[in-house]
Amino acid sequence: MKHIRSEIRQLTTERYSATPTEAVIRRVNEVVRGWVGYFYYGNCTSAMSALRYYLGYRMRIYIRRKHHHHSLGYKAFPDKYYYEALGLYKVPTTAPWTQSAKASGRR
């Protein structure tokens, strides 16, 4: 968890504020998608929800710095904005085996 958090922190620092937002989002999505793909099948529900919260928190800091907002940015940039408008990867918060299976065995 420390490693992925430090990767996200490095990608959303002030150094990348001049970089286009799409490029930063693309790179963050690559890193997070790889980490989630590797750790998704373990006992991970609390870790994934913590990662999802941290990812939204760091993206909010990045966007606020980029657009020079002094408020917390919850009204100007709600979570829906990151996932729908910018295309941020939505981290799954439940393990795949907790989803109910149909009687035929297919999901």
N, C-alpha and C. Protein backbone atom coordinates (compact mmCIF):
# COMPACT_ATOMS: atom_id res chain seq x y z
N MET A 1 0.83 -1.19 0.00
CA MET A 1 0.00 0.00 0.00
C MET A 1 0.88 1.26 0.00
N LYS A 2 1.99 1.21 0.74
CA LYS A 2 2.89 2.36 0.76
C LYS A 2 3.43 2.66 -0.63
N HIS A 3 3.77 1.63 -1.36
CA HIS A 3 4.37 1.81 -2.68
C HIS A 3 3.39 2.47 -3.66
N ILE A 4 2.16 1.99 -3.70
CA ILE A 4 1.20 2.57 -4.65
C ILE A 4 0.85 4.01 -4.25
N ARG A 5 0.77 4.27 -2.95
CA ARG A 5 0.48 5.63 -2.50
C ARG A 5 1.61 6.58 -2.88
N SER A 6 2.84 6.14 -2.75
CA SER A 6 3.96 7.01 -3.12
C SER A 6 4.01 7.23 -4.63
N GLU A 7 3.65 6.21 -5.43
CA GLU A 7 3.59 6.37 -6.88
C GLU A 7 2.54 7.41 -7.27
N ILE A 8 1.36 7.31 -6.66
CA ILE A 8 0.30 8.26 -6.95
C ILE A 8 0.72 9.66 -6.53
N ARG A 9 1.34 9.77 -5.37
CA ARG A 9 1.80 11.07 -4.87
C ARG A 9 2.82 11.70 -5.82
N GLN A 10 3.75 10.89 -6.34
CA GLN A 10 4.75 11.40 -7.26
C GLN A 10 4.13 11.87 -8.56
N LEU A 11 3.10 11.16 -9.04
CA LEU A 11 2.47 11.53 -10.31
C LEU A 11 1.57 12.74 -10.20
N THR A 12 1.18 13.12 -8.99
CA THR A 12 0.26 14.25 -8.83
C THR A 12 0.91 15.41 -8.07
N THR A 13 2.21 15.55 -8.15
CA THR A 13 2.89 16.66 -7.49
C THR A 13 2.82 17.92 -8.34
N GLU A 14 3.34 19.01 -7.80
CA GLU A 14 3.35 20.28 -8.52
C GLU A 14 4.19 20.23 -9.78
N ARG A 15 5.15 19.32 -9.82
CA ARG A 15 6.03 19.21 -10.97
C ARG A 15 5.24 18.92 -12.25
N TYR A 16 4.12 18.21 -12.13
CA TYR A 16 3.32 17.84 -13.29
C TYR A 16 2.15 18.80 -13.53
N SER A 17 2.13 19.95 -12.88
CA SER A 17 1.00 20.86 -13.06
C SER A 17 0.97 21.49 -14.46
N ALA A 18 2.11 21.55 -15.13
CA ALA A 18 2.14 22.09 -16.50
C ALA A 18 1.80 21.03 -17.54
N THR A 19 1.82 19.78 -17.14
CA THR A 19 1.49 18.68 -18.04
C THR A 19 -0.02 18.64 -18.26
N PRO A 20 -0.47 18.30 -19.47
CA PRO A 20 -1.91 18.20 -19.69
C PRO A 20 -2.56 17.18 -18.75
N THR A 21 -3.74 17.51 -18.30
CA THR A 21 -4.45 16.66 -17.33
C THR A 21 -4.69 15.26 -17.90
N GLU A 22 -4.98 15.15 -19.19
CA GLU A 22 -5.23 13.86 -19.80
C GLU A 22 -4.02 12.94 -19.69
N ALA A 23 -2.82 13.50 -19.86
CA ALA A 23 -1.60 12.71 -19.78
C ALA A 23 -1.36 12.22 -18.35
N VAL A 24 -1.63 13.08 -17.37
CA VAL A 24 -1.45 12.69 -15.97
C VAL A 24 -2.46 11.62 -15.60
N ILE A 25 -3.71 11.79 -16.01
CA ILE A 25 -4.76 10.80 -15.72
C ILE A 25 -4.41 9.47 -16.38
N ARG A 26 -3.93 9.50 -17.61
CA ARG A 26 -3.57 8.28 -18.31
C ARG A 26 -2.47 7.53 -17.56
N ARG A 27 -1.45 8.24 -17.10
CA ARG A 27 -0.35 7.60 -16.39
C ARG A 27 -0.81 7.05 -15.02
N VAL A 28 -1.62 7.83 -14.31
CA VAL A 28 -2.14 7.37 -13.02
C VAL A 28 -3.01 6.14 -13.22
N ASN A 29 -3.84 6.14 -14.26
CA ASN A 29 -4.70 4.98 -14.54
C ASN A 29 -3.86 3.73 -14.82
N GLU A 30 -2.76 3.88 -15.57
CA GLU A 30 -1.91 2.73 -15.86
C GLU A 30 -1.35 2.13 -14.58
N VAL A 31 -0.85 2.98 -13.70
CA VAL A 31 -0.23 2.52 -12.46
C VAL A 31 -1.27 1.86 -11.56
N VAL A 32 -2.41 2.51 -11.38
CA VAL A 32 -3.44 2.00 -10.48
C VAL A 32 -4.07 0.72 -11.04
N ARG A 33 -4.32 0.69 -12.34
CA ARG A 33 -4.92 -0.50 -12.96
C ARG A 33 -4.00 -1.71 -12.81
N GLY A 34 -2.71 -1.51 -12.96
CA GLY A 34 -1.76 -2.61 -12.79
C GLY A 34 -1.74 -3.12 -11.36
N TRP A 35 -1.74 -2.21 -10.40
CA TRP A 35 -1.72 -2.60 -9.00
C TRP A 35 -3.00 -3.33 -8.62
N VAL A 36 -4.13 -2.79 -9.07
CA VAL A 36 -5.43 -3.42 -8.76
C VAL A 36 -5.52 -4.79 -9.41
N GLY A 37 -5.05 -4.92 -10.64
CA GLY A 37 -5.08 -6.21 -11.31
C GLY A 37 -4.28 -7.28 -10.59
N TYR A 38 -3.20 -6.88 -9.96
CA TYR A 38 -2.35 -7.83 -9.25
C TYR A 38 -2.93 -8.20 -7.88
N PHE A 39 -3.46 -7.23 -7.15
CA PHE A 39 -3.91 -7.47 -5.78
C PHE A 39 -5.41 -7.66 -5.64
N TYR A 40 -6.16 -7.67 -6.72
CA TYR A 40 -7.62 -7.71 -6.67
C TYR A 40 -8.15 -9.00 -6.08
N TYR A 41 -7.46 -10.11 -6.26
CA TYR A 41 -8.00 -11.39 -5.86
C TYR A 41 -7.63 -11.80 -4.44
N GLY A 42 -6.92 -10.96 -3.71
CA GLY A 42 -6.63 -11.25 -2.31
C GLY A 42 -7.76 -10.73 -1.43
N ASN A 43 -7.56 -10.78 -0.14
CA ASN A 43 -8.54 -10.23 0.79
C ASN A 43 -8.33 -8.72 0.82
N CYS A 44 -9.04 -7.99 -0.01
CA CYS A 44 -8.63 -6.64 -0.33
C CYS A 44 -9.71 -5.56 -0.22
N THR A 45 -10.85 -5.84 0.30
CA THR A 45 -11.94 -4.87 0.28
C THR A 45 -11.57 -3.57 0.97
N SER A 46 -10.99 -3.63 2.15
CA SER A 46 -10.63 -2.40 2.86
C SER A 46 -9.47 -1.69 2.19
N ALA A 47 -8.52 -2.44 1.65
CA ALA A 47 -7.38 -1.82 0.97
C ALA A 47 -7.83 -1.12 -0.31
N MET A 48 -8.72 -1.74 -1.05
CA MET A 48 -9.20 -1.13 -2.30
C MET A 48 -10.02 0.12 -2.04
N SER A 49 -10.85 0.11 -1.01
CA SER A 49 -11.64 1.31 -0.72
C SER A 49 -10.73 2.42 -0.20
N ALA A 50 -9.69 2.09 0.55
CA ALA A 50 -8.73 3.10 0.99
C ALA A 50 -7.97 3.68 -0.19
N LEU A 51 -7.62 2.82 -1.15
CA LEU A 51 -6.93 3.29 -2.35
C LEU A 51 -7.83 4.19 -3.18
N ARG A 52 -9.09 3.83 -3.30
CA ARG A 52 -10.03 4.65 -4.07
C ARG A 52 -10.19 6.04 -3.45
N TYR A 53 -10.29 6.09 -2.13
CA TYR A 53 -10.40 7.37 -1.43
C TYR A 53 -9.12 8.18 -1.64
N TYR A 54 -7.96 7.55 -1.49
CA TYR A 54 -6.70 8.26 -1.63
C TYR A 54 -6.50 8.78 -3.05
N LEU A 55 -6.89 8.00 -4.03
CA LEU A 55 -6.76 8.42 -5.42
C LEU A 55 -7.61 9.66 -5.70
N GLY A 56 -8.85 9.68 -5.21
CA GLY A 56 -9.69 10.87 -5.37
C GLY A 56 -9.13 12.07 -4.64
N TYR A 57 -8.58 11.83 -3.46
CA TYR A 57 -7.98 12.91 -2.67
C TYR A 57 -6.79 13.53 -3.40
N ARG A 58 -5.90 12.71 -3.93
CA ARG A 58 -4.72 13.23 -4.63
C ARG A 58 -5.09 13.91 -5.94
N MET A 59 -6.08 13.39 -6.65
CA MET A 59 -6.50 14.04 -7.90
C MET A 59 -7.14 15.39 -7.61
N ARG A 60 -7.86 15.48 -6.50
CA ARG A 60 -8.46 16.75 -6.12
C ARG A 60 -7.36 17.78 -5.82
N ILE A 61 -6.31 17.36 -5.12
CA ILE A 61 -5.18 18.26 -4.84
C ILE A 61 -4.52 18.69 -6.14
N TYR A 62 -4.31 17.75 -7.05
CA TYR A 62 -3.68 18.06 -8.33
C TYR A 62 -4.49 19.07 -9.13
N ILE A 63 -5.79 18.85 -9.25
CA ILE A 63 -6.66 19.75 -10.04
C ILE A 63 -6.74 21.12 -9.37
N ARG A 64 -6.82 21.15 -8.05
CA ARG A 64 -6.87 22.44 -7.34
C ARG A 64 -5.60 23.24 -7.60
N ARG A 65 -4.45 22.59 -7.55
CA ARG A 65 -3.19 23.29 -7.82
C ARG A 65 -3.14 23.78 -9.26
N LYS A 66 -3.58 22.95 -10.16
CA LYS A 66 -3.51 23.28 -11.58
C LYS A 66 -4.39 24.48 -11.92
N HIS A 67 -5.57 24.55 -11.31
CA HIS A 67 -6.50 25.63 -11.62
C HIS A 67 -6.52 26.73 -10.57
N HIS A 68 -5.58 26.70 -9.64
CA HIS A 68 -5.41 27.75 -8.62
C HIS A 68 -6.66 27.98 -7.77
N HIS A 69 -7.28 26.88 -7.32
CA HIS A 69 -8.40 26.98 -6.40
C HIS A 69 -7.87 26.93 -4.97
N HIS A 70 -8.40 27.79 -4.12
CA HIS A 70 -7.95 27.82 -2.74
C HIS A 70 -8.89 27.06 -1.80
N SER A 71 -10.07 26.71 -2.29
CA SER A 71 -11.00 25.94 -1.47
C SER A 71 -10.63 24.46 -1.56
N LEU A 72 -11.39 23.62 -0.88
CA LEU A 72 -11.13 22.18 -0.93
C LEU A 72 -11.49 21.56 -2.27
N GLY A 73 -12.37 22.20 -3.03
CA GLY A 73 -12.69 21.75 -4.36
C GLY A 73 -13.79 20.73 -4.47
N TYR A 74 -14.54 20.49 -3.41
CA TYR A 74 -15.60 19.49 -3.48
C TYR A 74 -16.79 19.95 -4.32
N LYS A 75 -17.06 21.25 -4.30
CA LYS A 75 -18.17 21.76 -5.12
C LYS A 75 -17.73 21.95 -6.56
N ALA A 76 -16.56 22.50 -6.76
CA ALA A 76 -16.08 22.76 -8.12
C ALA A 76 -15.71 21.47 -8.85
N PHE A 77 -15.15 20.52 -8.12
CA PHE A 77 -14.72 19.26 -8.72
C PHE A 77 -15.22 18.07 -7.90
N PRO A 78 -16.47 17.69 -8.05
CA PRO A 78 -16.99 16.53 -7.31
C PRO A 78 -16.39 15.23 -7.86
N ASP A 79 -16.57 14.15 -7.14
CA ASP A 79 -16.01 12.86 -7.56
C ASP A 79 -16.52 12.44 -8.93
N LYS A 80 -17.76 12.74 -9.23
CA LYS A 80 -18.35 12.39 -10.51
C LYS A 80 -17.58 13.01 -11.67
N TYR A 81 -17.05 14.21 -11.45
CA TYR A 81 -16.26 14.91 -12.48
C TYR A 81 -15.01 14.10 -12.85
N TYR A 82 -14.34 13.53 -11.86
CA TYR A 82 -13.11 12.78 -12.13
C TYR A 82 -13.38 11.51 -12.92
N TYR A 83 -14.44 10.82 -12.56
CA TYR A 83 -14.71 9.54 -13.19
C TYR A 83 -15.37 9.68 -14.55
N GLU A 84 -16.27 10.63 -14.70
CA GLU A 84 -17.00 10.75 -15.97
C GLU A 84 -16.31 11.68 -16.96
N ALA A 85 -15.93 12.87 -16.52
CA ALA A 85 -15.36 13.85 -17.45
C ALA A 85 -13.88 13.57 -17.76
N LEU A 86 -13.10 13.25 -16.73
CA LEU A 86 -11.67 13.06 -16.94
C LEU A 86 -11.29 11.61 -17.25
N GLY A 87 -12.14 10.67 -16.90
CA GLY A 87 -11.87 9.27 -17.20
C GLY A 87 -10.95 8.59 -16.21
N LEU A 88 -10.98 9.00 -14.96
CA LEU A 88 -10.18 8.36 -13.92
C LEU A 88 -10.69 6.94 -13.68
N TYR A 89 -9.77 6.02 -13.47
CA TYR A 89 -10.13 4.61 -13.25
C TYR A 89 -10.85 4.46 -11.92
N LYS A 90 -12.00 3.82 -11.94
CA LYS A 90 -12.77 3.60 -10.72
C LYS A 90 -12.34 2.28 -10.10
N VAL A 91 -11.68 2.36 -8.97
CA VAL A 91 -11.14 1.18 -8.30
C VAL A 91 -12.29 0.35 -7.74
N PRO A 92 -12.36 -0.96 -8.06
CA PRO A 92 -13.41 -1.80 -7.49
C PRO A 92 -13.20 -1.97 -5.99
N THR A 93 -14.27 -1.90 -5.23
CA THR A 93 -14.13 -1.97 -3.77
C THR A 93 -14.57 -3.29 -3.18
N THR A 94 -15.10 -4.19 -3.99
CA THR A 94 -15.48 -5.50 -3.46
C THR A 94 -14.71 -6.57 -4.20
N ALA A 95 -14.40 -7.64 -3.49
CA ALA A 95 -13.68 -8.76 -4.09
C ALA A 95 -14.61 -9.51 -5.04
N PRO A 96 -14.07 -10.16 -6.06
CA PRO A 96 -14.93 -10.82 -7.05
C PRO A 96 -15.74 -11.99 -6.50
N TRP A 97 -15.25 -12.64 -5.45
CA TRP A 97 -15.99 -13.80 -4.93
C TRP A 97 -17.14 -13.40 -4.02
N THR A 98 -17.26 -12.11 -3.65
CA THR A 98 -18.38 -11.68 -2.83
C THR A 98 -19.62 -11.40 -3.66
N GLN A 99 -19.46 -11.35 -4.97
CA GLN A 99 -20.61 -11.11 -5.84
C GLN A 99 -21.38 -12.42 -5.96
N SER A 100 -22.69 -12.31 -5.96
CA SER A 100 -23.50 -13.52 -6.00
C SER A 100 -23.48 -14.14 -7.40
N ALA A 101 -23.44 -15.46 -7.44
CA ALA A 101 -23.47 -16.19 -8.69
C ALA A 101 -24.89 -16.68 -8.95
N LYS A 102 -25.24 -16.81 -10.20
CA LYS A 102 -26.55 -17.33 -10.55
C LYS A 102 -26.56 -18.84 -10.38
N ALA A 103 -27.73 -19.42 -10.39
CA ALA A 103 -27.87 -20.86 -10.20
C ALA A 103 -27.19 -21.64 -11.31
N SER A 104 -27.10 -21.05 -12.51
CA SER A 104 -26.47 -21.76 -13.62
C SER A 104 -24.95 -21.70 -13.55
N GLY A 105 -24.42 -20.92 -12.62
CA GLY A 105 -22.97 -20.86 -12.48
C GLY A 105 -22.34 -19.67 -13.17
N ARG A 106 -23.11 -18.97 -13.99
CA ARG A 106 -22.59 -17.77 -14.66
C ARG A 106 -22.92 -16.54 -13.85
N ARG A 107 -22.13 -15.51 -14.02
CA ARG A 107 -22.37 -14.24 -13.30
C ARG A 107 -23.12 -13.27 -14.14
